């Protein structure tokens, strides 16, 4: 099977905290977030056989305990099933970084036991979702995705990146936090065992702000916790 390949990192210790992983990037994404650091993977063709990706994983097997599949939006490609299935057969954990845009694909992966954890990019507050993603279906698909994951045994982490000038002021950070709670309350309620609701703000000199769920992420930098959700 061919897959639209975006690149790889042989060994990473940051993409899945507490695990050493090989990271596989797949091309293609239905969203157009203006701050995307992987925007070069939105489109373009670089088709390789999935055996090439399997060989990359094999080369790192002595040093890794997991494979993280990222993008772009990796759930766009049918080849993710072959890659994830291969990784699981090799005794590795599988993590997928996703926007949640393809809930049906996520459900199939869960049923096949091909995924251990989803790292979910929540792009903005509900009212700003279409503006940020340039896709009017993105938030409703995310809601469906989270409902599916909630009813599974798969772990997940919600991540929100806040860029100064878009949703980056202290006031808007608070609004974003509260907006996400309002917009996702039906699926977040009762998830304390799966996703930590204590959020922290990491400030970096360039004015970039990142919100991360603390349960699954241990950052080496000094964190300023603004509030507990």
N, C-alpha and C. Protein backbone atom coordinates (compact mmCIF):
# COMPACT_ATOMS: atom_id res chain seq x y z
N UNK A 1 0.84 -1.19 0.00
CA UNK A 1 0.00 0.00 0.00
C UNK A 1 0.88 1.24 0.00
N UNK A 2 0.46 2.25 -0.78
CA UNK A 2 1.18 3.52 -0.81
C UNK A 2 0.62 4.48 0.23
N UNK A 3 1.52 5.31 0.77
CA UNK A 3 1.11 6.31 1.75
C UNK A 3 1.83 7.61 1.44
N UNK A 4 1.14 8.72 1.63
CA UNK A 4 1.73 10.03 1.35
C UNK A 4 2.58 10.45 2.55
N UNK A 5 3.86 10.24 2.41
CA UNK A 5 4.82 10.31 3.51
C UNK A 5 5.37 11.72 3.66
N UNK A 6 5.41 12.20 4.91
CA UNK A 6 5.90 13.55 5.17
C UNK A 6 7.25 13.62 5.84
N UNK A 7 7.74 12.49 6.35
CA UNK A 7 9.03 12.48 7.04
C UNK A 7 8.96 11.67 8.32
N UNK A 8 10.07 11.65 9.04
CA UNK A 8 10.13 10.87 10.28
C UNK A 8 11.20 11.40 11.21
N UNK A 9 11.06 11.08 12.47
CA UNK A 9 12.09 11.30 13.49
C UNK A 9 12.39 9.94 14.08
N UNK A 10 13.64 9.51 13.97
CA UNK A 10 13.97 8.14 14.37
C UNK A 10 13.71 7.88 15.84
N UNK A 11 14.16 8.81 16.70
CA UNK A 11 13.99 8.65 18.15
C UNK A 11 13.62 10.00 18.75
N UNK A 12 12.48 10.06 19.39
CA UNK A 12 12.03 11.27 20.06
C UNK A 12 11.67 10.95 21.49
N UNK A 13 12.03 11.85 22.40
CA UNK A 13 11.65 11.69 23.81
C UNK A 13 10.69 12.80 24.25
N UNK A 14 10.21 13.61 23.30
CA UNK A 14 9.33 14.73 23.65
C UNK A 14 7.91 14.57 23.11
N UNK A 15 7.73 13.80 22.06
CA UNK A 15 6.40 13.69 21.46
C UNK A 15 5.44 12.89 22.32
N UNK A 16 5.96 11.94 23.08
CA UNK A 16 5.14 11.17 24.02
C UNK A 16 5.91 11.11 25.34
N UNK A 17 5.65 12.04 26.22
CA UNK A 17 6.38 12.09 27.49
C UNK A 17 6.36 10.74 28.20
N UNK A 18 7.50 10.36 28.73
CA UNK A 18 7.76 9.09 29.43
C UNK A 18 8.01 7.93 28.48
N UNK A 19 7.92 8.18 27.16
CA UNK A 19 8.20 7.12 26.19
C UNK A 19 9.20 7.62 25.15
N UNK A 20 10.02 6.69 24.69
CA UNK A 20 10.89 6.96 23.55
C UNK A 20 10.17 6.46 22.31
N UNK A 21 10.04 7.30 21.30
CA UNK A 21 9.21 6.92 20.16
C UNK A 21 9.83 7.30 18.83
N UNK A 22 9.43 6.57 17.80
CA UNK A 22 9.67 6.99 16.43
C UNK A 22 8.44 7.77 15.99
N UNK A 23 8.67 8.92 15.36
CA UNK A 23 7.56 9.77 14.91
C UNK A 23 7.46 9.70 13.39
N UNK A 24 6.27 9.38 12.91
CA UNK A 24 6.00 9.30 11.48
C UNK A 24 5.05 10.43 11.10
N UNK A 25 5.43 11.22 10.11
CA UNK A 25 4.59 12.33 9.64
C UNK A 25 3.95 11.96 8.31
N UNK A 26 2.64 12.17 8.22
CA UNK A 26 1.91 11.91 6.99
C UNK A 26 1.38 13.22 6.41
N UNK A 27 1.33 13.30 5.10
CA UNK A 27 0.91 14.53 4.42
C UNK A 27 -0.61 14.63 4.31
N UNK A 28 -1.06 15.88 4.17
CA UNK A 28 -2.47 16.16 3.96
C UNK A 28 -3.16 16.63 5.22
N UNK A 29 -3.99 17.67 5.10
CA UNK A 29 -4.77 18.16 6.24
C UNK A 29 -5.97 18.94 5.72
N UNK A 30 -7.16 18.74 6.31
CA UNK A 30 -8.34 19.49 5.88
C UNK A 30 -8.45 20.86 6.52
N UNK A 31 -7.57 21.18 7.46
CA UNK A 31 -7.61 22.46 8.16
C UNK A 31 -6.49 23.37 7.66
N UNK A 32 -6.65 24.67 7.91
CA UNK A 32 -5.65 25.65 7.48
C UNK A 32 -5.37 26.64 8.61
N UNK A 33 -4.96 26.14 9.74
CA UNK A 33 -4.66 26.99 10.90
C UNK A 33 -3.45 27.87 10.56
N UNK A 34 -3.54 29.18 10.74
CA UNK A 34 -2.49 30.09 10.27
C UNK A 34 -1.16 29.93 10.98
N UNK A 35 -1.16 29.35 12.19
CA UNK A 35 0.08 29.22 12.95
C UNK A 35 0.70 27.83 12.83
N UNK A 36 0.17 26.99 11.97
CA UNK A 36 0.63 25.59 11.89
C UNK A 36 2.13 25.52 11.60
N UNK A 37 2.86 24.79 12.44
CA UNK A 37 4.30 24.67 12.22
C UNK A 37 4.64 23.60 11.20
N UNK A 38 3.64 22.79 10.82
CA UNK A 38 3.85 21.77 9.80
C UNK A 38 3.06 22.09 8.53
N UNK A 39 2.94 23.37 8.21
CA UNK A 39 2.12 23.76 7.07
C UNK A 39 2.62 23.20 5.75
N UNK A 40 3.88 22.86 5.68
CA UNK A 40 4.42 22.28 4.45
C UNK A 40 3.86 20.89 4.18
N UNK A 41 3.22 20.31 5.18
CA UNK A 41 2.62 18.98 5.02
C UNK A 41 1.13 19.05 4.71
N UNK A 42 0.58 20.26 4.57
CA UNK A 42 -0.84 20.39 4.23
C UNK A 42 -1.16 19.66 2.93
N UNK A 43 -0.26 19.76 1.96
CA UNK A 43 -0.51 19.19 0.64
C UNK A 43 0.81 18.67 0.07
N UNK A 44 0.80 18.35 -1.20
CA UNK A 44 1.99 17.80 -1.83
C UNK A 44 1.98 16.29 -1.84
N UNK A 45 2.74 15.72 -2.76
CA UNK A 45 2.76 14.27 -2.92
C UNK A 45 4.17 13.72 -2.71
N UNK A 46 4.27 12.73 -1.86
CA UNK A 46 5.52 11.99 -1.67
C UNK A 46 5.15 10.56 -1.29
N UNK A 47 4.61 9.84 -2.26
CA UNK A 47 4.08 8.52 -1.96
C UNK A 47 5.19 7.48 -1.87
N UNK A 48 5.15 6.74 -0.79
CA UNK A 48 6.09 5.63 -0.58
C UNK A 48 5.28 4.40 -0.17
N UNK A 49 5.88 3.25 -0.34
CA UNK A 49 5.22 2.04 0.12
C UNK A 49 5.26 1.98 1.64
N UNK A 50 4.21 1.45 2.24
CA UNK A 50 4.19 1.36 3.70
C UNK A 50 5.34 0.52 4.24
N UNK A 51 5.92 -0.34 3.38
CA UNK A 51 7.08 -1.12 3.83
C UNK A 51 8.25 -0.21 4.18
N UNK A 52 8.36 0.92 3.48
CA UNK A 52 9.42 1.89 3.80
C UNK A 52 9.24 2.42 5.22
N UNK A 53 8.01 2.73 5.59
CA UNK A 53 7.74 3.24 6.94
C UNK A 53 8.00 2.14 7.97
N UNK A 54 7.60 0.93 7.67
CA UNK A 54 7.85 -0.19 8.59
C UNK A 54 9.34 -0.38 8.82
N UNK A 55 10.13 -0.23 7.76
CA UNK A 55 11.58 -0.38 7.92
C UNK A 55 12.16 0.70 8.81
N UNK A 56 11.63 1.92 8.71
CA UNK A 56 12.08 2.99 9.59
C UNK A 56 11.82 2.64 11.05
N UNK A 57 10.66 2.06 11.31
CA UNK A 57 10.31 1.65 12.68
C UNK A 57 11.22 0.51 13.13
N UNK A 58 11.46 -0.45 12.24
CA UNK A 58 12.33 -1.59 12.58
C UNK A 58 13.72 -1.12 12.99
N UNK A 59 14.25 -0.14 12.28
CA UNK A 59 15.60 0.35 12.56
C UNK A 59 15.72 0.93 13.96
N UNK A 60 14.63 1.45 14.49
CA UNK A 60 14.66 2.07 15.82
C UNK A 60 14.17 1.15 16.93
N UNK A 61 13.75 -0.05 16.57
CA UNK A 61 13.14 -0.95 17.56
C UNK A 61 13.95 -1.15 18.85
N UNK A 62 15.27 -1.26 18.77
CA UNK A 62 16.01 -1.48 20.03
C UNK A 62 15.94 -0.30 21.00
N UNK A 63 15.50 0.86 20.50
CA UNK A 63 15.61 2.08 21.31
C UNK A 63 14.26 2.72 21.65
N UNK A 64 13.17 2.16 21.15
CA UNK A 64 11.87 2.81 21.32
C UNK A 64 10.86 1.89 21.99
N UNK A 65 9.84 2.52 22.57
CA UNK A 65 8.72 1.76 23.14
C UNK A 65 7.40 2.17 22.50
N UNK A 66 7.47 3.14 21.56
CA UNK A 66 6.22 3.64 20.97
C UNK A 66 6.47 4.20 19.57
N UNK A 67 5.37 4.31 18.84
CA UNK A 67 5.35 5.03 17.56
C UNK A 67 4.29 6.11 17.67
N UNK A 68 4.64 7.34 17.30
CA UNK A 68 3.69 8.45 17.24
C UNK A 68 3.46 8.78 15.77
N UNK A 69 2.20 8.79 15.34
CA UNK A 69 1.86 9.10 13.96
C UNK A 69 1.23 10.49 13.93
N UNK A 70 1.85 11.38 13.16
CA UNK A 70 1.46 12.78 13.17
C UNK A 70 1.27 13.26 11.74
N UNK A 71 1.14 14.57 11.58
CA UNK A 71 0.93 15.09 10.24
C UNK A 71 1.35 16.54 10.14
N UNK A 72 0.59 17.27 9.28
CA UNK A 72 -0.65 16.94 8.65
C UNK A 72 -1.70 16.35 9.60
N UNK A 73 -2.69 15.74 8.98
CA UNK A 73 -3.73 15.02 9.70
C UNK A 73 -3.63 13.55 9.32
N UNK A 74 -3.02 12.74 10.19
CA UNK A 74 -2.72 11.35 9.81
C UNK A 74 -3.95 10.48 9.58
N UNK A 75 -5.09 10.85 10.15
CA UNK A 75 -6.28 10.02 9.98
C UNK A 75 -6.89 10.16 8.59
N UNK A 76 -6.33 11.02 7.75
CA UNK A 76 -6.79 11.15 6.37
C UNK A 76 -6.45 9.92 5.54
N UNK A 77 -5.40 9.18 5.93
CA UNK A 77 -4.85 8.16 5.06
C UNK A 77 -5.16 6.75 5.55
N UNK A 78 -5.64 5.94 4.63
CA UNK A 78 -5.99 4.55 4.96
C UNK A 78 -4.76 3.76 5.41
N UNK A 79 -3.59 4.17 4.94
CA UNK A 79 -2.37 3.45 5.29
C UNK A 79 -2.03 3.50 6.76
N UNK A 80 -2.69 4.38 7.52
CA UNK A 80 -2.41 4.45 8.95
C UNK A 80 -2.75 3.14 9.65
N UNK A 81 -3.71 2.40 9.11
CA UNK A 81 -4.08 1.12 9.72
C UNK A 81 -2.94 0.12 9.60
N UNK A 82 -2.29 0.10 8.45
CA UNK A 82 -1.18 -0.83 8.27
C UNK A 82 0.01 -0.45 9.15
N UNK A 83 0.29 0.84 9.25
CA UNK A 83 1.42 1.28 10.08
C UNK A 83 1.14 1.02 11.56
N UNK A 84 -0.04 1.41 12.02
CA UNK A 84 -0.39 1.22 13.42
C UNK A 84 -0.45 -0.26 13.77
N UNK A 85 -1.02 -1.06 12.87
CA UNK A 85 -1.10 -2.50 13.12
C UNK A 85 0.27 -3.14 13.20
N UNK A 86 1.18 -2.70 12.34
CA UNK A 86 2.55 -3.21 12.38
C UNK A 86 3.23 -2.85 13.69
N UNK A 87 3.07 -1.59 14.12
CA UNK A 87 3.69 -1.16 15.37
C UNK A 87 3.17 -1.96 16.56
N UNK A 88 1.86 -2.20 16.60
CA UNK A 88 1.29 -2.99 17.70
C UNK A 88 1.81 -4.43 17.66
N UNK A 89 1.94 -5.00 16.47
CA UNK A 89 2.44 -6.37 16.36
C UNK A 89 3.89 -6.47 16.80
N UNK A 90 4.62 -5.34 16.76
CA UNK A 90 6.01 -5.30 17.21
C UNK A 90 6.11 -5.03 18.71
N UNK A 91 4.97 -4.95 19.38
CA UNK A 91 4.96 -4.74 20.82
C UNK A 91 5.10 -3.30 21.24
N UNK A 92 4.83 -2.37 20.32
CA UNK A 92 4.98 -0.95 20.61
C UNK A 92 3.63 -0.31 20.94
N UNK A 93 3.69 0.75 21.73
CA UNK A 93 2.51 1.58 21.94
C UNK A 93 2.33 2.49 20.72
N UNK A 94 1.09 2.84 20.43
CA UNK A 94 0.80 3.71 19.28
C UNK A 94 0.06 4.95 19.77
N UNK A 95 0.63 6.10 19.45
CA UNK A 95 -0.02 7.38 19.73
C UNK A 95 -0.29 8.10 18.42
N UNK A 96 -1.40 8.81 18.36
CA UNK A 96 -1.77 9.52 17.14
C UNK A 96 -2.08 10.98 17.48
N UNK A 97 -1.39 11.89 16.79
CA UNK A 97 -1.66 13.32 16.94
C UNK A 97 -2.68 13.73 15.89
N UNK A 98 -3.80 14.28 16.32
CA UNK A 98 -4.91 14.51 15.41
C UNK A 98 -5.71 15.75 15.80
N UNK A 99 -6.42 16.29 14.82
CA UNK A 99 -7.36 17.38 15.09
C UNK A 99 -8.74 16.85 15.44
N UNK A 100 -8.92 15.54 15.33
CA UNK A 100 -10.23 14.96 15.60
C UNK A 100 -11.20 15.09 14.45
N UNK A 101 -10.70 15.40 13.26
CA UNK A 101 -11.58 15.68 12.12
C UNK A 101 -12.21 14.42 11.52
N UNK A 102 -11.64 13.26 11.83
CA UNK A 102 -12.14 12.02 11.24
C UNK A 102 -12.57 11.04 12.34
N UNK A 103 -13.71 11.29 12.98
CA UNK A 103 -14.13 10.44 14.09
C UNK A 103 -14.37 8.99 13.68
N UNK A 104 -14.85 8.77 12.44
CA UNK A 104 -15.13 7.40 12.01
C UNK A 104 -13.85 6.59 11.89
N UNK A 105 -12.78 7.23 11.42
CA UNK A 105 -11.49 6.54 11.31
C UNK A 105 -10.96 6.21 12.69
N UNK A 106 -11.08 7.16 13.61
CA UNK A 106 -10.64 6.92 14.99
C UNK A 106 -11.39 5.74 15.58
N UNK A 107 -12.68 5.66 15.32
CA UNK A 107 -13.49 4.56 15.87
C UNK A 107 -13.02 3.22 15.33
N UNK A 108 -12.67 3.16 14.05
CA UNK A 108 -12.16 1.91 13.47
C UNK A 108 -10.83 1.52 14.10
N UNK A 109 -9.95 2.48 14.32
CA UNK A 109 -8.66 2.20 14.95
C UNK A 109 -8.86 1.65 16.37
N UNK A 110 -9.80 2.25 17.09
CA UNK A 110 -10.08 1.80 18.46
C UNK A 110 -10.59 0.37 18.46
N UNK A 111 -11.51 0.08 17.55
CA UNK A 111 -12.09 -1.27 17.49
C UNK A 111 -11.05 -2.32 17.15
N UNK A 112 -10.06 -1.94 16.35
CA UNK A 112 -8.99 -2.87 15.99
C UNK A 112 -7.89 -2.95 17.04
N UNK A 113 -8.00 -2.12 18.09
CA UNK A 113 -6.97 -2.05 19.13
C UNK A 113 -5.62 -1.61 18.55
N UNK A 114 -5.67 -0.66 17.62
CA UNK A 114 -4.47 -0.18 16.94
C UNK A 114 -3.95 1.13 17.52
N UNK A 115 -4.59 1.66 18.56
CA UNK A 115 -4.16 2.94 19.12
C UNK A 115 -4.27 2.88 20.64
N UNK A 116 -3.26 3.44 21.32
CA UNK A 116 -3.24 3.49 22.77
C UNK A 116 -3.56 4.87 23.31
N UNK A 117 -3.26 5.91 22.52
CA UNK A 117 -3.50 7.26 23.00
C UNK A 117 -3.64 8.23 21.82
N UNK A 118 -4.60 9.14 21.95
CA UNK A 118 -4.75 10.23 21.00
C UNK A 118 -4.25 11.52 21.64
N UNK A 119 -3.45 12.27 20.90
CA UNK A 119 -3.06 13.62 21.29
C UNK A 119 -3.89 14.56 20.42
N UNK A 120 -4.86 15.22 21.03
CA UNK A 120 -5.89 15.93 20.27
C UNK A 120 -5.65 17.43 20.31
N UNK A 121 -5.49 18.03 19.13
CA UNK A 121 -5.31 19.48 19.03
C UNK A 121 -6.67 20.16 19.00
N UNK A 122 -7.02 20.81 20.10
CA UNK A 122 -8.23 21.63 20.15
C UNK A 122 -7.81 23.03 19.74
N UNK A 123 -8.29 23.49 18.62
CA UNK A 123 -7.69 24.65 17.95
C UNK A 123 -8.06 26.00 18.55
N UNK A 124 -9.27 26.12 19.09
CA UNK A 124 -9.74 27.44 19.52
C UNK A 124 -11.02 27.27 20.32
N UNK A 125 -11.57 28.39 20.78
CA UNK A 125 -12.89 28.36 21.40
C UNK A 125 -13.92 28.02 20.32
N UNK A 126 -15.05 27.47 20.71
CA UNK A 126 -16.05 27.04 19.71
C UNK A 126 -16.43 28.14 18.72
N UNK A 127 -16.60 29.37 19.23
CA UNK A 127 -17.05 30.45 18.35
C UNK A 127 -15.97 30.90 17.37
N UNK A 128 -14.71 30.57 17.63
CA UNK A 128 -13.62 30.97 16.73
C UNK A 128 -13.11 29.81 15.89
N UNK A 129 -13.72 28.64 16.03
CA UNK A 129 -13.17 27.45 15.39
C UNK A 129 -13.08 27.58 13.87
N UNK A 130 -14.16 28.01 13.24
CA UNK A 130 -14.14 28.12 11.79
C UNK A 130 -13.16 29.19 11.33
N UNK A 131 -13.09 30.30 12.08
CA UNK A 131 -12.15 31.37 11.73
C UNK A 131 -10.71 30.88 11.75
N UNK A 132 -10.36 30.09 12.77
CA UNK A 132 -8.98 29.62 12.91
C UNK A 132 -8.67 28.50 11.92
N UNK A 133 -9.58 27.54 11.78
CA UNK A 133 -9.30 26.34 10.98
C UNK A 133 -9.64 26.51 9.51
N UNK A 134 -10.44 27.54 9.18
CA UNK A 134 -10.94 27.74 7.82
C UNK A 134 -11.77 26.55 7.35
N UNK A 135 -12.43 25.90 8.29
CA UNK A 135 -13.25 24.73 7.97
C UNK A 135 -14.49 24.74 8.85
N UNK A 136 -15.67 24.84 8.26
CA UNK A 136 -16.90 25.01 9.03
C UNK A 136 -17.35 23.72 9.74
N UNK A 137 -16.77 22.59 9.37
CA UNK A 137 -17.17 21.33 10.00
C UNK A 137 -16.23 20.89 11.12
N UNK A 138 -15.14 21.62 11.33
CA UNK A 138 -14.08 21.14 12.22
C UNK A 138 -14.55 20.92 13.64
N UNK A 139 -15.31 21.86 14.21
CA UNK A 139 -15.69 21.72 15.61
C UNK A 139 -16.71 20.62 15.82
N UNK A 140 -17.69 20.50 14.94
CA UNK A 140 -18.70 19.44 15.10
C UNK A 140 -18.06 18.06 14.96
N UNK A 141 -17.08 17.94 14.07
CA UNK A 141 -16.38 16.67 13.94
C UNK A 141 -15.54 16.37 15.18
N UNK A 142 -14.93 17.41 15.75
CA UNK A 142 -14.16 17.23 16.98
C UNK A 142 -15.07 16.73 18.10
N UNK A 143 -16.26 17.30 18.23
CA UNK A 143 -17.19 16.87 19.27
C UNK A 143 -17.53 15.39 19.11
N UNK A 144 -17.80 14.98 17.88
CA UNK A 144 -18.11 13.56 17.62
C UNK A 144 -16.91 12.68 17.96
N UNK A 145 -15.73 13.14 17.58
CA UNK A 145 -14.50 12.40 17.88
C UNK A 145 -14.35 12.18 19.38
N UNK A 146 -14.52 13.23 20.17
CA UNK A 146 -14.32 13.14 21.61
C UNK A 146 -15.37 12.26 22.28
N UNK A 147 -16.57 12.26 21.76
CA UNK A 147 -17.59 11.37 22.30
C UNK A 147 -17.22 9.91 22.08
N UNK A 148 -16.67 9.62 20.91
CA UNK A 148 -16.23 8.25 20.62
C UNK A 148 -15.10 7.84 21.55
N UNK A 149 -14.11 8.73 21.71
CA UNK A 149 -12.96 8.40 22.55
C UNK A 149 -13.38 8.26 24.02
N UNK A 150 -14.30 9.12 24.44
CA UNK A 150 -14.78 9.07 25.83
C UNK A 150 -15.33 7.69 26.15
N UNK A 151 -16.01 7.08 25.20
CA UNK A 151 -16.66 5.79 25.44
C UNK A 151 -15.75 4.61 25.15
N UNK A 152 -14.45 4.87 25.01
CA UNK A 152 -13.48 3.81 24.77
C UNK A 152 -12.53 3.72 25.95
N UNK A 153 -11.59 2.81 25.86
CA UNK A 153 -10.55 2.67 26.89
C UNK A 153 -9.25 3.33 26.47
N UNK A 154 -9.29 4.10 25.40
CA UNK A 154 -8.08 4.74 24.88
C UNK A 154 -7.84 6.05 25.62
N UNK A 155 -6.61 6.28 26.04
CA UNK A 155 -6.25 7.54 26.68
C UNK A 155 -6.21 8.66 25.65
N UNK A 156 -6.44 9.89 26.11
CA UNK A 156 -6.21 11.01 25.22
C UNK A 156 -5.85 12.25 26.01
N UNK A 157 -5.17 13.14 25.31
CA UNK A 157 -4.73 14.40 25.88
C UNK A 157 -5.22 15.53 24.99
N UNK A 158 -5.87 16.52 25.58
CA UNK A 158 -6.31 17.69 24.83
C UNK A 158 -5.22 18.76 24.88
N UNK A 159 -4.87 19.28 23.72
CA UNK A 159 -3.84 20.30 23.63
C UNK A 159 -4.40 21.53 22.92
N UNK A 160 -4.11 22.69 23.46
CA UNK A 160 -4.49 23.94 22.79
C UNK A 160 -3.28 24.85 22.72
N UNK A 161 -2.95 25.30 21.53
CA UNK A 161 -1.86 26.24 21.33
C UNK A 161 -2.46 27.63 21.13
N UNK A 162 -2.01 28.58 21.94
CA UNK A 162 -2.55 29.94 21.86
C UNK A 162 -1.45 30.87 21.37
N UNK A 163 -1.71 31.52 20.25
CA UNK A 163 -0.73 32.40 19.63
C UNK A 163 -1.10 33.86 19.91
N UNK A 164 -0.12 34.61 20.37
CA UNK A 164 -0.35 36.02 20.64
C UNK A 164 -0.86 36.72 19.38
N UNK A 165 -1.93 37.50 19.55
CA UNK A 165 -2.53 38.17 18.42
C UNK A 165 -3.77 37.47 17.90
N UNK A 166 -3.90 36.17 18.23
CA UNK A 166 -5.11 35.43 17.87
C UNK A 166 -5.97 35.21 19.11
N UNK A 167 -5.43 34.46 20.07
CA UNK A 167 -6.14 34.26 21.33
C UNK A 167 -5.12 34.36 22.46
N UNK A 168 -4.14 35.25 22.33
CA UNK A 168 -2.99 35.19 23.19
C UNK A 168 -2.93 36.07 24.41
N UNK A 169 -3.88 37.00 24.63
CA UNK A 169 -3.80 37.82 25.82
C UNK A 169 -4.27 37.04 27.04
N UNK A 170 -3.92 37.53 28.22
CA UNK A 170 -4.32 36.84 29.44
C UNK A 170 -5.84 36.71 29.52
N UNK A 171 -6.53 37.80 29.17
CA UNK A 171 -7.99 37.77 29.21
C UNK A 171 -8.54 36.73 28.24
N UNK A 172 -7.99 36.70 27.03
CA UNK A 172 -8.48 35.76 26.05
C UNK A 172 -8.09 34.32 26.36
N UNK A 173 -6.94 34.14 27.03
CA UNK A 173 -6.59 32.81 27.49
C UNK A 173 -7.67 32.28 28.43
N UNK A 174 -8.09 33.13 29.36
CA UNK A 174 -9.14 32.73 30.28
C UNK A 174 -10.44 32.46 29.53
N UNK A 175 -10.76 33.34 28.57
CA UNK A 175 -11.97 33.13 27.78
C UNK A 175 -11.89 31.83 26.99
N UNK A 176 -10.70 31.55 26.46
CA UNK A 176 -10.51 30.32 25.70
C UNK A 176 -10.75 29.11 26.58
N UNK A 177 -10.15 29.16 27.77
CA UNK A 177 -10.33 28.05 28.72
C UNK A 177 -11.80 27.84 29.04
N UNK A 178 -12.49 28.93 29.36
CA UNK A 178 -13.89 28.83 29.71
C UNK A 178 -14.75 28.45 28.51
N UNK A 179 -14.39 28.97 27.34
CA UNK A 179 -15.13 28.63 26.14
C UNK A 179 -15.01 27.17 25.78
N UNK A 180 -13.80 26.64 25.94
CA UNK A 180 -13.62 25.22 25.67
C UNK A 180 -14.44 24.37 26.61
N UNK A 181 -14.50 24.79 27.87
CA UNK A 181 -15.31 24.05 28.82
C UNK A 181 -16.79 24.08 28.44
N UNK A 182 -17.26 25.27 28.07
CA UNK A 182 -18.68 25.37 27.68
C UNK A 182 -18.96 24.55 26.44
N UNK A 183 -18.08 24.70 25.45
CA UNK A 183 -18.32 24.03 24.18
C UNK A 183 -18.16 22.53 24.23
N UNK A 184 -17.30 22.05 25.14
CA UNK A 184 -17.01 20.63 25.19
C UNK A 184 -17.51 19.97 26.48
N UNK A 185 -18.32 20.68 27.24
CA UNK A 185 -18.68 20.17 28.56
C UNK A 185 -19.40 18.82 28.47
N UNK A 186 -20.13 18.60 27.41
CA UNK A 186 -20.86 17.34 27.29
C UNK A 186 -19.92 16.15 27.14
N UNK A 187 -18.72 16.39 26.60
CA UNK A 187 -17.79 15.29 26.42
C UNK A 187 -16.65 15.31 27.43
N UNK A 188 -16.37 16.46 28.02
CA UNK A 188 -15.31 16.54 29.02
C UNK A 188 -15.80 16.05 30.39
N UNK A 189 -17.08 16.21 30.65
CA UNK A 189 -17.62 15.85 31.96
C UNK A 189 -17.31 14.39 32.30
N UNK A 190 -16.70 14.19 33.43
CA UNK A 190 -16.43 12.84 33.90
C UNK A 190 -15.17 12.22 33.35
N UNK A 191 -14.29 13.04 32.72
CA UNK A 191 -13.10 12.48 32.10
C UNK A 191 -11.86 12.60 32.95
N UNK A 192 -11.99 12.83 34.24
CA UNK A 192 -10.83 13.12 35.07
C UNK A 192 -9.83 11.97 35.07
N UNK A 193 -10.27 10.76 34.79
CA UNK A 193 -9.34 9.65 34.77
C UNK A 193 -8.63 9.52 33.42
N UNK A 194 -9.03 10.31 32.45
CA UNK A 194 -8.42 10.21 31.13
C UNK A 194 -7.66 11.46 30.72
N UNK A 195 -8.17 12.60 31.11
CA UNK A 195 -7.49 13.83 30.72
C UNK A 195 -7.52 14.78 31.91
N UNK A 196 -6.36 15.27 32.25
CA UNK A 196 -6.27 16.14 33.42
C UNK A 196 -6.90 17.49 33.13
N UNK A 197 -7.73 17.98 34.02
CA UNK A 197 -8.38 19.26 33.81
C UNK A 197 -7.62 20.40 34.46
N UNK A 198 -6.46 20.10 34.99
CA UNK A 198 -5.61 21.18 35.48
C UNK A 198 -4.73 21.64 34.33
N UNK A 199 -4.86 22.90 33.96
CA UNK A 199 -4.13 23.41 32.82
C UNK A 199 -3.06 24.41 33.27
N UNK A 200 -2.01 24.50 32.50
CA UNK A 200 -0.92 25.41 32.85
C UNK A 200 -0.54 26.24 31.64
N UNK A 201 -0.03 27.41 31.90
CA UNK A 201 0.41 28.30 30.84
C UNK A 201 1.94 28.32 30.80
N UNK A 202 2.49 28.04 29.65
CA UNK A 202 3.93 28.11 29.44
C UNK A 202 4.24 29.33 28.58
N UNK A 203 4.94 30.29 29.16
CA UNK A 203 5.26 31.51 28.43
C UNK A 203 6.70 31.44 27.88
N UNK A 204 6.84 31.70 26.62
CA UNK A 204 8.14 31.68 25.97
C UNK A 204 8.44 33.09 25.47
N UNK A 205 9.69 33.47 25.40
CA UNK A 205 10.09 34.84 25.13
C UNK A 205 9.48 35.42 23.86
N UNK A 206 9.16 34.61 22.87
CA UNK A 206 8.68 35.14 21.61
C UNK A 206 7.18 35.47 21.65
N UNK A 207 6.56 35.39 22.81
CA UNK A 207 5.15 35.72 22.91
C UNK A 207 4.23 34.55 22.60
N UNK A 208 4.80 33.37 22.50
CA UNK A 208 4.04 32.15 22.22
C UNK A 208 3.56 31.55 23.53
N UNK A 209 2.31 31.17 23.56
CA UNK A 209 1.74 30.59 24.78
C UNK A 209 1.17 29.22 24.45
N UNK A 210 1.44 28.27 25.31
CA UNK A 210 0.96 26.91 25.07
C UNK A 210 0.23 26.39 26.29
N UNK A 211 -0.94 25.83 26.08
CA UNK A 211 -1.68 25.20 27.18
C UNK A 211 -1.58 23.69 27.00
N UNK A 212 -1.21 23.00 28.04
CA UNK A 212 -1.08 21.55 27.95
C UNK A 212 -1.73 20.90 29.17
N UNK A 213 -2.36 19.75 28.95
CA UNK A 213 -2.87 18.96 30.06
C UNK A 213 -1.70 18.38 30.84
N UNK A 214 -1.67 18.56 32.15
CA UNK A 214 -0.50 18.22 32.94
C UNK A 214 -0.41 16.74 33.28
N UNK A 215 -1.50 16.02 33.17
CA UNK A 215 -1.48 14.63 33.62
C UNK A 215 -0.47 13.80 32.85
N UNK A 216 -0.38 14.03 31.54
CA UNK A 216 0.47 13.21 30.71
C UNK A 216 1.71 13.94 30.22
N UNK A 217 1.87 15.18 30.66
CA UNK A 217 3.00 15.96 30.17
C UNK A 217 3.80 16.55 31.31
N UNK A 218 5.06 16.26 31.36
CA UNK A 218 5.96 16.83 32.35
C UNK A 218 6.96 17.72 31.62
N UNK A 219 6.80 19.02 31.77
CA UNK A 219 7.67 19.95 31.08
C UNK A 219 8.83 20.38 31.98
N UNK A 220 10.01 20.54 31.41
CA UNK A 220 11.18 20.93 32.22
C UNK A 220 11.22 22.40 32.56
N UNK A 221 10.35 23.21 31.92
CA UNK A 221 10.39 24.63 32.18
C UNK A 221 9.53 25.00 33.39
N UNK A 222 9.78 26.18 33.92
CA UNK A 222 8.96 26.67 35.02
C UNK A 222 7.57 27.01 34.51
N UNK A 223 6.56 26.49 35.19
CA UNK A 223 5.18 26.69 34.77
C UNK A 223 4.47 27.62 35.73
N UNK A 224 3.62 28.45 35.19
CA UNK A 224 2.78 29.28 36.01
C UNK A 224 1.35 28.80 35.85
N UNK A 225 0.80 28.20 36.88
CA UNK A 225 -0.55 27.68 36.81
C UNK A 225 -1.51 28.83 37.11
N UNK A 226 -2.33 29.16 36.11
CA UNK A 226 -3.26 30.26 36.28
C UNK A 226 -4.51 29.84 37.04
N UNK A 227 -4.95 28.62 36.80
CA UNK A 227 -6.17 28.17 37.47
C UNK A 227 -6.32 26.68 37.27
N UNK A 228 -7.22 26.13 38.04
CA UNK A 228 -7.60 24.75 37.88
C UNK A 228 -9.01 24.69 37.30
N UNK A 229 -9.21 23.84 36.29
CA UNK A 229 -10.51 23.75 35.67
C UNK A 229 -11.34 22.66 36.31
